[in-house]
Amino acid sequence: MPLKQKIFYISIGVILLASFQIGFHLLPRFAFADSHQAQEAESQPEPIKTLFLIDYPLGGKSAYLEWVKEVSPSLVTEEVARIRSYDNFEGSSPHRFVEMEFNSIEDMQKYQRRSEIRALMADMSNHTSRSEVHTFIQRSDYVKLSP
């Protein structure tokens, strides 16, 4: 697939993802059993995580890791609360899981509008064989119980 076509598809994907995220965030919230949590959420921003599921190109893990070392300083900006990455212990697909945490949806959107970040995301297809992006809003449904 030619590079221009890859960039076109990535651009369309980024535009669709951003519009769905904005639309989803603007939908009215329904009050169910956790209405007290909905009231708390209105007073404080909701943490957001963007998850990347990445497969290395065949025989290209070391090249991908070199690229990551090169671009990782550009990924850390004031909007990002935390970045973590994990390799799949079993070696199966996806090979790598990367999570980026933001304190609010506004921080995430500001981050995604940066030209250097858009360029890096567009370039990702040149260093991976497959990647997926998912965005999640933190909820307090599960609570870690102390023993």
C-alpha atoms as a PDB file:
ATOM      1  CA  MET A   1       0.000   0.000   0.000  1.00  0.00           C
ATOM      2  CA  PRO A   2       1.514   3.367  -0.990  1.00  0.00           C
ATOM      3  CA  LEU A   3       2.511   5.778   1.756  1.00  0.00           C
ATOM      4  CA  LYS A   4       0.042   8.458   0.618  1.00  0.00           C
ATOM      5  CA  GLN A   5      -2.807   5.961   0.844  1.00  0.00           C
ATOM      6  CA  LYS A   6      -1.721   4.902   4.368  1.00  0.00           C
ATOM      7  CA  ILE A   7      -1.571   8.526   5.477  1.00  0.00           C
ATOM      8  CA  PHE A   8      -5.018   9.142   3.970  1.00  0.00           C
ATOM      9  CA  TYR A   9      -6.546   6.185   5.851  1.00  0.00           C
ATOM     10  CA  ILE A  10      -4.850   7.183   9.103  1.00  0.00           C
ATOM     11  CA  SER A  11      -6.113  10.757   8.706  1.00  0.00           C
ATOM     12  CA  ILE A  12      -9.660   9.535   8.130  1.00  0.00           C
ATOM     13  CA  GLY A  13      -9.360   7.262  11.178  1.00  0.00           C
ATOM     14  CA  VAL A  14      -8.096  10.096  13.387  1.00  0.00           C
ATOM     15  CA  ILE A  15     -10.913  12.396  12.231  1.00  0.00           C
ATOM     16  CA  LEU A  16     -13.566   9.718  12.845  1.00  0.00           C
ATOM     17  CA  LEU A  17     -12.088   8.818  16.236  1.00  0.00           C
ATOM     18  CA  ALA A  18     -12.022  12.463  17.332  1.00  0.00           C
ATOM     19  CA  SER A  19     -15.602  13.086  16.174  1.00  0.00           C
ATOM     20  CA  PHE A  20     -16.882   9.958  17.955  1.00  0.00           C
ATOM     21  CA  GLN A  21     -15.045  10.922  21.135  1.00  0.00           C
ATOM     22  CA  ILE A  22     -16.462  14.431  21.102  1.00  0.00           C
ATOM     23  CA  GLY A  23     -19.953  13.184  20.252  1.00  0.00           C
ATOM     24  CA  PHE A  24     -19.841  10.514  22.945  1.00  0.00           C
ATOM     25  CA  HIS A  25     -18.663  13.022  25.527  1.00  0.00           C
ATOM     26  CA  LEU A  26     -21.495  15.436  24.654  1.00  0.00           C
ATOM     27  CA  LEU A  27     -24.241  12.813  25.014  1.00  0.00           C
ATOM     28  CA  PRO A  28     -26.483  13.276  28.066  1.00  0.00           C
ATOM     29  CA  ARG A  29     -25.702  11.006  30.972  1.00  0.00           C
ATOM     30  CA  PHE A  30     -28.425   8.829  32.340  1.00  0.00           C
ATOM     31  CA  ALA A  31     -28.821   8.382  36.072  1.00  0.00           C
ATOM     32  CA  PHE A  32     -28.939   4.760  37.119  1.00  0.00           C
ATOM     33  CA  ALA A  33     -27.900   3.096  40.372  1.00  0.00           C
ATOM     34  CA  ASP A  34     -24.633   5.031  40.463  1.00  0.00           C
ATOM     35  CA  SER A  35     -26.202   8.515  40.421  1.00  0.00           C
ATOM     36  CA  HIS A  36     -23.963   9.650  43.283  1.00  0.00           C
ATOM     37  CA  GLN A  37     -20.970   8.897  41.081  1.00  0.00           C
ATOM     38  CA  ALA A  38     -22.461  10.929  38.227  1.00  0.00           C
ATOM     39  CA  GLN A  39     -22.787  13.917  40.565  1.00  0.00           C
ATOM     40  CA  GLU A  40     -19.170  13.546  41.652  1.00  0.00           C
ATOM     41  CA  ALA A  41     -18.042  13.364  38.019  1.00  0.00           C
ATOM     42  CA  GLU A  42     -19.650  16.725  37.243  1.00  0.00           C
ATOM     43  CA  SER A  43     -17.508  18.455  39.852  1.00  0.00           C
ATOM     44  CA  GLN A  44     -14.196  16.970  38.730  1.00  0.00           C
ATOM     45  CA  PRO A  45     -12.733  16.038  35.331  1.00  0.00           C
ATOM     46  CA  GLU A  46     -12.860  12.409  34.266  1.00  0.00           C
ATOM     47  CA  PRO A  47      -9.502  10.704  33.680  1.00  0.00           C
ATOM     48  CA  ILE A  48      -9.081   9.406  30.125  1.00  0.00           C
ATOM     49  CA  LYS A  49      -6.872   6.599  28.814  1.00  0.00           C
ATOM     50  CA  THR A  50      -5.884   6.096  25.221  1.00  0.00           C
ATOM     51  CA  LEU A  51      -4.760   2.531  24.566  1.00  0.00           C
ATOM     52  CA  PHE A  52      -2.654   1.458  21.618  1.00  0.00           C
ATOM     53  CA  LEU A  53      -2.501  -2.222  20.637  1.00  0.00           C
ATOM     54  CA  ILE A  54       0.525  -2.676  18.405  1.00  0.00           C
ATOM     55  CA  ASP A  55       2.042  -5.526  16.407  1.00  0.00           C
ATOM     56  CA  TYR A  56       5.693  -5.360  15.417  1.00  0.00           C
ATOM     57  CA  PRO A  57       6.536  -5.886  11.745  1.00  0.00           C
ATOM     58  CA  LEU A  58       7.938  -9.337  10.996  1.00  0.00           C
ATOM     59  CA  GLY A  59      11.511  -9.233  12.283  1.00  0.00           C
ATOM     60  CA  GLY A  60      11.158  -5.519  13.053  1.00  0.00           C
ATOM     61  CA  LYS A  61      10.880  -5.374  16.822  1.00  0.00           C
ATOM     62  CA  SER A  62      14.332  -3.844  17.298  1.00  0.00           C
ATOM     63  CA  ALA A  63      13.697  -1.231  14.589  1.00  0.00           C
ATOM     64  CA  TYR A  64      10.391  -0.329  16.276  1.00  0.00           C
ATOM     65  CA  LEU A  65      12.099   0.006  19.673  1.00  0.00           C
ATOM     66  CA  GLU A  66      14.777   2.270  18.154  1.00  0.00           C
ATOM     67  CA  TRP A  67      12.050   4.452  16.637  1.00  0.00           C
ATOM     68  CA  VAL A  68      10.299   4.627  20.019  1.00  0.00           C
ATOM     69  CA  LYS A  69      13.537   5.750  21.720  1.00  0.00           C
ATOM     70  CA  GLU A  70      13.842   8.472  19.095  1.00  0.00           C
ATOM     71  CA  VAL A  71      10.268   9.796  19.357  1.00  0.00           C
ATOM     72  CA  SER A  72       9.416   9.164  23.019  1.00  0.00           C
ATOM     73  CA  PRO A  73      10.653  12.567  24.265  1.00  0.00           C
ATOM     74  CA  SER A  74       8.167  14.201  21.844  1.00  0.00           C
ATOM     75  CA  LEU A  75       5.288  12.176  23.304  1.00  0.00           C
ATOM     76  CA  VAL A  76       5.721  13.562  26.820  1.00  0.00           C
ATOM     77  CA  THR A  77       3.937  16.897  26.991  1.00  0.00           C
ATOM     78  CA  GLU A  78       2.174  18.863  29.720  1.00  0.00           C
ATOM     79  CA  GLU A  79      -1.186  17.265  28.817  1.00  0.00           C
ATOM     80  CA  VAL A  80      -0.015  13.690  29.439  1.00  0.00           C
ATOM     81  CA  ALA A  81      -0.387  12.489  33.011  1.00  0.00           C
ATOM     82  CA  ARG A  82       1.369   9.155  32.402  1.00  0.00           C
ATOM     83  CA  ILE A  83       2.596   6.844  29.627  1.00  0.00           C
ATOM     84  CA  ARG A  84       3.246   3.148  30.121  1.00  0.00           C
ATOM     85  CA  SER A  85       4.050   0.364  27.685  1.00  0.00           C
ATOM     86  CA  TYR A  86       3.964  -3.400  28.020  1.00  0.00           C
ATOM     87  CA  ASP A  87       5.236  -6.251  25.868  1.00  0.00           C
ATOM     88  CA  ASN A  88       2.958  -9.256  25.524  1.00  0.00           C
ATOM     89  CA  PHE A  89       4.358 -11.915  27.860  1.00  0.00           C
ATOM     90  CA  GLU A  90       3.079 -14.694  25.597  1.00  0.00           C
ATOM     91  CA  GLY A  91       4.476 -13.122  22.438  1.00  0.00           C
ATOM     92  CA  SER A  92       1.104 -13.253  20.685  1.00  0.00           C
ATOM     93  CA  SER A  93      -0.840 -10.448  19.034  1.00  0.00           C
ATOM     94  CA  PRO A  94      -0.954  -7.672  20.039  1.00  0.00           C
ATOM     95  CA  HIS A  95       2.775  -7.609  20.729  1.00  0.00           C
ATOM     96  CA  ARG A  96       2.718  -4.316  22.614  1.00  0.00           C
ATOM     97  CA  PHE A  97       0.183  -2.432  24.702  1.00  0.00           C
ATOM     98  CA  VAL A  98       0.753   1.301  25.265  1.00  0.00           C
ATOM     99  CA  GLU A  99      -1.429   3.372  27.580  1.00  0.00           C
ATOM    100  CA  MET A 100      -1.488   7.138  27.726  1.00  0.00           C
ATOM    101  CA  GLU A 101      -3.347   8.730  30.604  1.00  0.00           C
ATOM    102  CA  PHE A 102      -4.839  12.221  30.591  1.00  0.00           C
ATOM    103  CA  ASN A 103      -6.529  14.074  33.441  1.00  0.00           C
ATOM    104  CA  SER A 104      -9.459  15.156  31.255  1.00  0.00           C
ATOM    105  CA  ILE A 105     -10.883  14.830  27.777  1.00  0.00           C
ATOM    106  CA  GLU A 106      -9.853  18.417  27.120  1.00  0.00           C
ATOM    107  CA  ASP A 107      -6.200  17.520  27.825  1.00  0.00           C
ATOM    108  CA  MET A 108      -6.444  14.543  25.460  1.00  0.00           C
ATOM    109  CA  GLN A 109      -7.973  16.654  22.704  1.00  0.00           C
ATOM    110  CA  LYS A 110      -5.352  19.390  23.136  1.00  0.00           C
ATOM    111  CA  TYR A 111      -2.657  16.709  22.921  1.00  0.00           C
ATOM    112  CA  GLN A 112      -4.153  15.195  19.761  1.00  0.00           C
ATOM    113  CA  ARG A 113      -4.319  18.615  18.076  1.00  0.00           C
ATOM    114  CA  ARG A 114      -0.550  19.132  18.376  1.00  0.00           C
ATOM    115  CA  SER A 115       1.023  18.973  14.918  1.00  0.00           C
ATOM    116  CA  GLU A 116       4.033  16.964  16.113  1.00  0.00           C
ATOM    117  CA  ILE A 117       1.740  14.349  17.714  1.00  0.00           C
ATOM    118  CA  ARG A 118      -0.399  14.067  14.582  1.00  0.00           C
ATOM    119  CA  ALA A 119       2.783  13.562  12.537  1.00  0.00           C
ATOM    120  CA  LEU A 120       4.036  10.831  14.898  1.00  0.00           C
ATOM    121  CA  MET A 121       0.700   9.014  14.824  1.00  0.00           C
ATOM    122  CA  ALA A 122       0.638   9.184  11.034  1.00  0.00           C
ATOM    123  CA  ASP A 123       4.182   7.788  10.940  1.00  0.00           C
ATOM    124  CA  MET A 124       3.310   4.877  13.246  1.00  0.00           C
ATOM    125  CA  SER A 125       2.101   2.730  10.335  1.00  0.00           C
ATOM    126  CA  ASN A 126       5.633   2.868   8.902  1.00  0.00           C
ATOM    127  CA  HIS A 127       6.993   1.179  12.050  1.00  0.00           C
ATOM    128  CA  THR A 128       4.252  -1.324  12.921  1.00  0.00           C
ATOM    129  CA  SER A 129       2.448  -4.058  11.049  1.00  0.00           C
ATOM    130  CA  ARG A 130      -0.851  -3.277  12.802  1.00  0.00           C
ATOM    131  CA  SER A 131      -2.097  -0.855  15.409  1.00  0.00           C
ATOM    132  CA  GLU A 132      -5.424  -0.095  17.043  1.00  0.00           C
ATOM    133  CA  VAL A 133      -6.374   2.855  19.218  1.00  0.00           C
ATOM    134  CA  HIS A 134      -9.060   2.781  21.905  1.00  0.00           C
ATOM    135  CA  THR A 135     -10.113   5.545  24.293  1.00  0.00           C
ATOM    136  CA  PHE A 136     -11.665   4.930  27.710  1.00  0.00           C
ATOM    137  CA  ILE A 137     -13.111   7.146  30.429  1.00  0.00           C
ATOM    138  CA  GLN A 138     -12.304   6.054  33.964  1.00  0.00           C
ATOM    139  CA  ARG A 139     -15.244   4.857  36.057  1.00  0.00           C
ATOM    140  CA  SER A 140     -15.384   3.896  39.709  1.00  0.00           C
ATOM    141  CA  ASP A 141     -17.397   0.684  39.261  1.00  0.00           C
ATOM    142  CA  TYR A 142     -14.597  -1.480  40.614  1.00  0.00           C
ATOM    143  CA  VAL A 143     -12.935  -0.725  43.897  1.00  0.00           C
ATOM    144  CA  LYS A 144      -9.797  -2.379  45.187  1.00  0.00           C
ATOM    145  CA  LEU A 145     -10.619  -3.789  48.590  1.00  0.00           C
ATOM    146  CA  SER A 146      -7.989  -3.868  51.309  1.00  0.00           C
ATOM    147  CA  PRO A 147      -7.496  -7.241  53.062  1.00  0.00           C
END
